[in-house]
Amino acid sequence: MRALRYLYVLALALWLGGMSAAGLIVAPTTFGVLEAWDAVKGRMLAGDVFGAVLGRLNLVAYAAAAIMMLVLTIQRVLGPRPKSYGIRMGLLALMLGATFYSGNILAPQIDHLQVEVNGPINQLPEGDPRRIAFDKAHQLSTSLVTATLVGALILLGWESREHA
């Protein structure tokens, strides 16, 4: 059981750490450096780079979620049953769903708008439907990632409390 718990915590740490590093370090650094290099081209390139980072991070999230769900299920079957198993599995399912939706529904919408505009979307007039659609998709994506991050923190707290 100790090895399973280690695997669960490792998967959670990679998922949580990846999200944290992407949002707190990679995004601001990438946009800051590339926009300083060239305000227009740099912003577009930074968006491409960060989109690719998120795509890879989503793969880590899918693997982490699968590992965590499998471990919880094995622990449930072999015992002792993890506390609040159903709630934890539900939270993991919501986190996985949010990650999947953001990466496979919203990201392509954002990419399509960027190709259609062929320039920085923030240069479009505020009332332009493409800018409004982009801002809405970007805001929803950010909210889903933030909710997933909060879910991961809840699971981390649960894990530390359960095994204190």
Foldseek 3Di string as FASTA:
>chain_A
DVVLLVLLVVLLCLLLVLLCCLVPPLLVVQLVVQCVVPVKVSNVVSVVVSLVSLLVSLVSLVVSLVSNLVSQVVCVVVDDHQPPSVVLNVLSVLLNVLSCCLNPPLSVLLVVLCVVVVIDLVVDPPPPPSNVSNVVSVVSNVVSSVSSSVSSVVVVVSSVVVVD
